[in-house]
């Protein structure tokens, strides 16, 4: 895809996200996830919310702005470090069948 077409797609995508107030939803999830991590409440939920955000950020940078991917990669490494500390708490997310209540 030519560079001018890619820039037009990137600008129109940013414009649509801003005009529909969908960016406010992203911002709210980022703030909520960050506050939950800072205060240590619902850490597996916070990691899950932030993982979805990080996926979107990485997908954007890989497809539309690969030159500025470095901060996204740094944040992903930080997310992995926190995830490794809480992996036992998050283990239930990856089970195929939920644990039964006694």
N, C-alpha and C. Protein backbone atom coordinates (compact mmCIF):
# COMPACT_ATOMS: atom_id res chain seq x y z
N UNK A 1 0.86 -1.17 0.00
CA UNK A 1 0.00 0.00 0.00
C UNK A 1 0.90 1.24 0.00
N UNK A 2 0.66 2.19 -0.88
CA UNK A 2 1.48 3.40 -0.91
C UNK A 2 1.38 4.18 0.41
N UNK A 3 2.43 4.93 0.70
CA UNK A 3 2.51 5.63 1.98
C UNK A 3 1.38 6.65 2.14
N UNK A 4 1.03 7.38 1.09
CA UNK A 4 -0.03 8.38 1.23
C UNK A 4 -1.39 7.72 1.52
N UNK A 5 -1.62 6.53 0.97
CA UNK A 5 -2.86 5.80 1.28
C UNK A 5 -2.87 5.33 2.73
N UNK A 6 -1.72 4.87 3.20
CA UNK A 6 -1.62 4.41 4.58
C UNK A 6 -1.86 5.56 5.55
N UNK A 7 -1.31 6.73 5.24
CA UNK A 7 -1.53 7.90 6.10
C UNK A 7 -3.00 8.30 6.11
N UNK A 8 -3.65 8.22 4.98
CA UNK A 8 -5.07 8.57 4.91
C UNK A 8 -5.92 7.59 5.72
N UNK A 9 -5.59 6.32 5.65
CA UNK A 9 -6.32 5.31 6.44
C UNK A 9 -6.11 5.56 7.92
N UNK A 10 -4.87 5.85 8.31
CA UNK A 10 -4.56 6.10 9.71
C UNK A 10 -5.30 7.33 10.22
N UNK A 11 -5.34 8.38 9.43
CA UNK A 11 -6.05 9.60 9.85
C UNK A 11 -7.54 9.38 9.92
N UNK A 12 -8.11 8.65 8.97
CA UNK A 12 -9.55 8.42 9.01
C UNK A 12 -9.91 7.51 10.18
N UNK A 13 -9.08 6.52 10.48
CA UNK A 13 -9.33 5.64 11.62
C UNK A 13 -9.28 6.43 12.92
N UNK A 14 -8.29 7.29 13.08
CA UNK A 14 -8.20 8.12 14.29
C UNK A 14 -9.38 9.07 14.39
N UNK A 15 -9.80 9.61 13.25
CA UNK A 15 -10.95 10.52 13.25
C UNK A 15 -12.24 9.83 13.64
N UNK A 16 -12.43 8.62 13.15
CA UNK A 16 -13.64 7.86 13.50
C UNK A 16 -13.65 7.52 14.98
N UNK A 17 -12.53 7.08 15.49
CA UNK A 17 -12.45 6.72 16.92
C UNK A 17 -12.71 7.94 17.79
N UNK A 18 -12.17 9.07 17.42
CA UNK A 18 -12.38 10.29 18.21
C UNK A 18 -13.82 10.80 18.11
N UNK A 19 -14.36 10.82 16.90
CA UNK A 19 -15.70 11.36 16.69
C UNK A 19 -16.78 10.51 17.36
N UNK A 20 -16.56 9.20 17.44
CA UNK A 20 -17.57 8.32 18.04
C UNK A 20 -17.42 8.20 19.55
N UNK A 21 -16.45 8.88 20.12
CA UNK A 21 -16.16 8.84 21.56
C UNK A 21 -15.72 7.45 22.01
N UNK A 22 -15.32 6.62 21.06
CA UNK A 22 -14.81 5.30 21.41
C UNK A 22 -13.47 5.44 22.12
N UNK A 23 -12.73 6.52 21.84
CA UNK A 23 -11.45 6.75 22.50
C UNK A 23 -11.66 6.96 24.00
N UNK A 24 -12.78 7.54 24.39
CA UNK A 24 -13.07 7.72 25.81
C UNK A 24 -13.23 6.38 26.50
N UNK A 25 -13.83 5.41 25.80
CA UNK A 25 -13.97 4.06 26.34
C UNK A 25 -12.59 3.43 26.55
N UNK A 26 -11.70 3.56 25.57
CA UNK A 26 -10.34 3.05 25.71
C UNK A 26 -9.64 3.71 26.90
N UNK A 27 -9.78 5.01 26.99
CA UNK A 27 -9.14 5.75 28.08
C UNK A 27 -9.67 5.28 29.43
N UNK A 28 -10.97 5.09 29.55
CA UNK A 28 -11.57 4.63 30.79
C UNK A 28 -11.03 3.26 31.19
N UNK A 29 -10.92 2.34 30.23
CA UNK A 29 -10.38 1.02 30.53
C UNK A 29 -8.92 1.08 30.96
N UNK A 30 -8.15 1.95 30.34
CA UNK A 30 -6.75 2.09 30.71
C UNK A 30 -6.61 2.64 32.12
N UNK A 31 -7.40 3.66 32.44
CA UNK A 31 -7.34 4.24 33.78
C UNK A 31 -7.82 3.23 34.82
N UNK A 32 -8.92 2.55 34.54
CA UNK A 32 -9.44 1.55 35.47
C UNK A 32 -8.42 0.44 35.71
N UNK A 33 -7.85 -0.10 34.65
CA UNK A 33 -6.84 -1.15 34.78
C UNK A 33 -5.62 -0.68 35.54
N UNK A 34 -5.17 0.53 35.26
CA UNK A 34 -4.02 1.08 35.97
C UNK A 34 -4.28 1.28 37.45
N UNK A 35 -5.46 1.82 37.78
CA UNK A 35 -5.79 2.03 39.20
C UNK A 35 -5.93 0.71 39.94
N UNK A 36 -6.54 -0.27 39.30
CA UNK A 36 -6.65 -1.58 39.94
C UNK A 36 -5.27 -2.18 40.20
N UNK A 37 -4.35 -2.02 39.26
CA UNK A 37 -2.99 -2.53 39.48
C UNK A 37 -2.28 -1.76 40.59
N UNK A 38 -2.42 -0.44 40.57
CA UNK A 38 -1.73 0.37 41.59
C UNK A 38 -2.19 0.04 43.00
N UNK A 39 -3.49 -0.18 43.17
CA UNK A 39 -4.03 -0.44 44.50
C UNK A 39 -4.06 -1.92 44.84
N UNK A 40 -3.74 -2.79 43.89
CA UNK A 40 -3.66 -4.21 44.14
C UNK A 40 -5.00 -4.92 44.27
N UNK A 41 -6.06 -4.33 43.76
CA UNK A 41 -7.38 -4.96 43.78
C UNK A 41 -7.68 -5.56 42.42
N UNK A 42 -8.26 -6.76 42.41
CA UNK A 42 -8.67 -7.41 41.17
C UNK A 42 -7.56 -7.40 40.12
N UNK A 43 -6.36 -7.78 40.54
CA UNK A 43 -5.20 -7.72 39.65
C UNK A 43 -5.39 -8.59 38.40
N UNK A 44 -5.93 -9.82 38.51
CA UNK A 44 -6.15 -10.58 37.27
C UNK A 44 -7.10 -9.87 36.29
N UNK A 45 -8.14 -9.22 36.81
CA UNK A 45 -9.04 -8.46 35.95
C UNK A 45 -8.30 -7.30 35.30
N UNK A 46 -7.50 -6.59 36.07
CA UNK A 46 -6.73 -5.47 35.54
C UNK A 46 -5.77 -5.93 34.45
N UNK A 47 -5.10 -7.05 34.67
CA UNK A 47 -4.18 -7.57 33.65
C UNK A 47 -4.92 -7.97 32.38
N UNK A 48 -6.11 -8.52 32.54
CA UNK A 48 -6.89 -8.90 31.38
C UNK A 48 -7.34 -7.68 30.59
N UNK A 49 -7.82 -6.64 31.29
CA UNK A 49 -8.23 -5.41 30.61
C UNK A 49 -7.05 -4.77 29.87
N UNK A 50 -5.92 -4.71 30.54
CA UNK A 50 -4.76 -4.07 29.93
C UNK A 50 -4.17 -4.91 28.80
N UNK A 51 -4.31 -6.24 28.86
CA UNK A 51 -3.84 -7.09 27.76
C UNK A 51 -4.61 -6.79 26.48
N UNK A 52 -5.91 -6.59 26.61
CA UNK A 52 -6.71 -6.25 25.43
C UNK A 52 -6.29 -4.90 24.86
N UNK A 53 -6.02 -3.95 25.72
CA UNK A 53 -5.55 -2.63 25.26
C UNK A 53 -4.20 -2.75 24.57
N UNK A 54 -3.30 -3.53 25.18
CA UNK A 54 -1.97 -3.68 24.60
C UNK A 54 -2.03 -4.38 23.24
N UNK A 55 -2.94 -5.32 23.11
CA UNK A 55 -3.10 -5.98 21.81
C UNK A 55 -3.49 -4.95 20.74
N UNK A 56 -4.44 -4.09 21.06
CA UNK A 56 -4.87 -3.07 20.10
C UNK A 56 -3.74 -2.10 19.77
N UNK A 57 -2.98 -1.73 20.78
CA UNK A 57 -1.86 -0.81 20.55
C UNK A 57 -0.81 -1.46 19.66
N UNK A 58 -0.48 -2.71 19.95
CA UNK A 58 0.51 -3.42 19.12
C UNK A 58 0.00 -3.62 17.69
N UNK A 59 -1.26 -3.98 17.55
CA UNK A 59 -1.81 -4.17 16.20
C UNK A 59 -1.75 -2.88 15.40
N UNK A 60 -2.07 -1.75 16.05
CA UNK A 60 -2.00 -0.47 15.35
C UNK A 60 -0.57 -0.19 14.90
N UNK A 61 0.38 -0.33 15.83
CA UNK A 61 1.76 0.02 15.49
C UNK A 61 2.37 -0.95 14.48
N UNK A 62 2.02 -2.21 14.56
CA UNK A 62 2.56 -3.16 13.59
C UNK A 62 2.03 -2.92 12.18
N UNK A 63 0.78 -2.49 12.09
CA UNK A 63 0.18 -2.34 10.76
C UNK A 63 0.24 -0.92 10.21
N UNK A 64 0.19 0.10 11.06
CA UNK A 64 0.08 1.46 10.54
C UNK A 64 1.22 2.40 10.94
N UNK A 65 1.93 2.10 12.02
CA UNK A 65 3.00 3.00 12.45
C UNK A 65 4.16 2.20 13.04
N UNK A 66 4.81 1.36 12.23
CA UNK A 66 5.87 0.52 12.77
C UNK A 66 7.09 1.29 13.27
N UNK A 67 7.25 2.51 12.83
CA UNK A 67 8.40 3.30 13.27
C UNK A 67 8.33 3.74 14.72
N UNK A 68 7.14 3.75 15.29
CA UNK A 68 6.99 4.21 16.67
C UNK A 68 6.51 3.09 17.59
N UNK A 69 6.97 1.88 17.34
CA UNK A 69 6.51 0.73 18.12
C UNK A 69 7.29 0.54 19.43
N UNK A 70 8.41 1.20 19.59
CA UNK A 70 9.27 0.98 20.76
C UNK A 70 8.54 1.17 22.09
N UNK A 71 7.81 2.27 22.32
CA UNK A 71 7.11 2.40 23.61
C UNK A 71 6.09 1.28 23.84
N UNK A 72 5.44 0.84 22.79
CA UNK A 72 4.46 -0.25 22.94
C UNK A 72 5.16 -1.54 23.35
N UNK A 73 6.33 -1.81 22.81
CA UNK A 73 7.07 -3.00 23.18
C UNK A 73 7.56 -2.92 24.63
N UNK A 74 7.98 -1.74 25.06
CA UNK A 74 8.42 -1.56 26.45
C UNK A 74 7.26 -1.83 27.40
N UNK A 75 6.09 -1.31 27.09
CA UNK A 75 4.92 -1.52 27.95
C UNK A 75 4.54 -3.00 27.96
N UNK A 76 4.67 -3.68 26.84
CA UNK A 76 4.38 -5.12 26.80
C UNK A 76 5.34 -5.91 27.68
N UNK A 77 6.60 -5.54 27.67
CA UNK A 77 7.57 -6.20 28.55
C UNK A 77 7.20 -5.96 30.02
N UNK A 78 6.81 -4.75 30.36
CA UNK A 78 6.39 -4.45 31.73
C UNK A 78 5.14 -5.24 32.12
N UNK A 79 4.19 -5.37 31.18
CA UNK A 79 2.98 -6.16 31.44
C UNK A 79 3.35 -7.61 31.71
N UNK A 80 4.27 -8.15 30.92
CA UNK A 80 4.70 -9.54 31.10
C UNK A 80 5.34 -9.73 32.47
N UNK A 81 6.14 -8.77 32.91
CA UNK A 81 6.77 -8.87 34.23
C UNK A 81 5.73 -8.90 35.34
N UNK A 82 4.71 -8.08 35.25
CA UNK A 82 3.65 -8.09 36.26
C UNK A 82 2.85 -9.38 36.15
N UNK A 83 2.55 -9.81 34.93
CA UNK A 83 1.79 -11.04 34.73
C UNK A 83 2.51 -12.23 35.36
N UNK A 84 3.82 -12.30 35.21
CA UNK A 84 4.57 -13.43 35.77
C UNK A 84 4.49 -13.46 37.29
N UNK A 85 4.37 -12.31 37.92
CA UNK A 85 4.23 -12.27 39.38
C UNK A 85 2.86 -12.79 39.82
N UNK A 86 1.85 -12.62 39.00
CA UNK A 86 0.47 -12.99 39.35
C UNK A 86 -0.05 -14.18 38.55
N UNK A 87 0.83 -14.95 37.94
CA UNK A 87 0.36 -16.02 37.05
C UNK A 87 -0.48 -17.07 37.76
N UNK A 88 -0.25 -17.32 39.04
CA UNK A 88 -1.08 -18.28 39.77
C UNK A 88 -2.51 -17.76 39.91
N UNK A 89 -2.67 -16.46 40.08
CA UNK A 89 -4.00 -15.87 40.21
C UNK A 89 -4.76 -15.88 38.89
N UNK A 90 -4.04 -15.84 37.80
CA UNK A 90 -4.64 -15.75 36.48
C UNK A 90 -4.84 -17.15 35.88
N UNK A 91 -4.31 -18.16 36.53
CA UNK A 91 -4.34 -19.52 36.00
C UNK A 91 -5.75 -19.98 35.64
N UNK A 92 -6.76 -19.58 36.41
CA UNK A 92 -8.13 -20.00 36.15
C UNK A 92 -8.70 -19.50 34.85
N UNK A 93 -8.18 -18.41 34.34
CA UNK A 93 -8.66 -17.85 33.08
C UNK A 93 -8.38 -18.81 31.93
N UNK A 94 -7.30 -19.56 32.03
CA UNK A 94 -6.88 -20.41 30.93
C UNK A 94 -7.40 -21.85 31.04
N UNK A 95 -8.24 -22.13 32.03
CA UNK A 95 -8.77 -23.49 32.16
C UNK A 95 -9.99 -23.64 31.25
N UNK A 96 -10.10 -24.82 30.63
CA UNK A 96 -11.20 -25.06 29.70
C UNK A 96 -12.53 -25.20 30.42
N UNK A 97 -12.50 -25.75 31.62
CA UNK A 97 -13.73 -25.93 32.39
C UNK A 97 -13.56 -25.18 33.73
N UNK A 98 -14.59 -24.48 34.15
CA UNK A 98 -14.49 -23.75 35.42
C UNK A 98 -14.44 -24.71 36.60
N UNK A 99 -13.81 -24.27 37.67
CA UNK A 99 -13.75 -25.08 38.89
C UNK A 99 -15.14 -25.14 39.50
N UNK A 100 -15.49 -26.29 40.04
CA UNK A 100 -16.79 -26.44 40.66
C UNK A 100 -16.73 -25.98 42.11
N UNK A 101 -17.84 -25.47 42.58
CA UNK A 101 -17.93 -25.02 43.97
C UNK A 101 -18.22 -26.22 44.86
N UNK A 102 -17.52 -26.37 46.01
CA UNK A 102 -17.78 -27.51 46.90
C UNK A 102 -19.10 -27.35 47.64
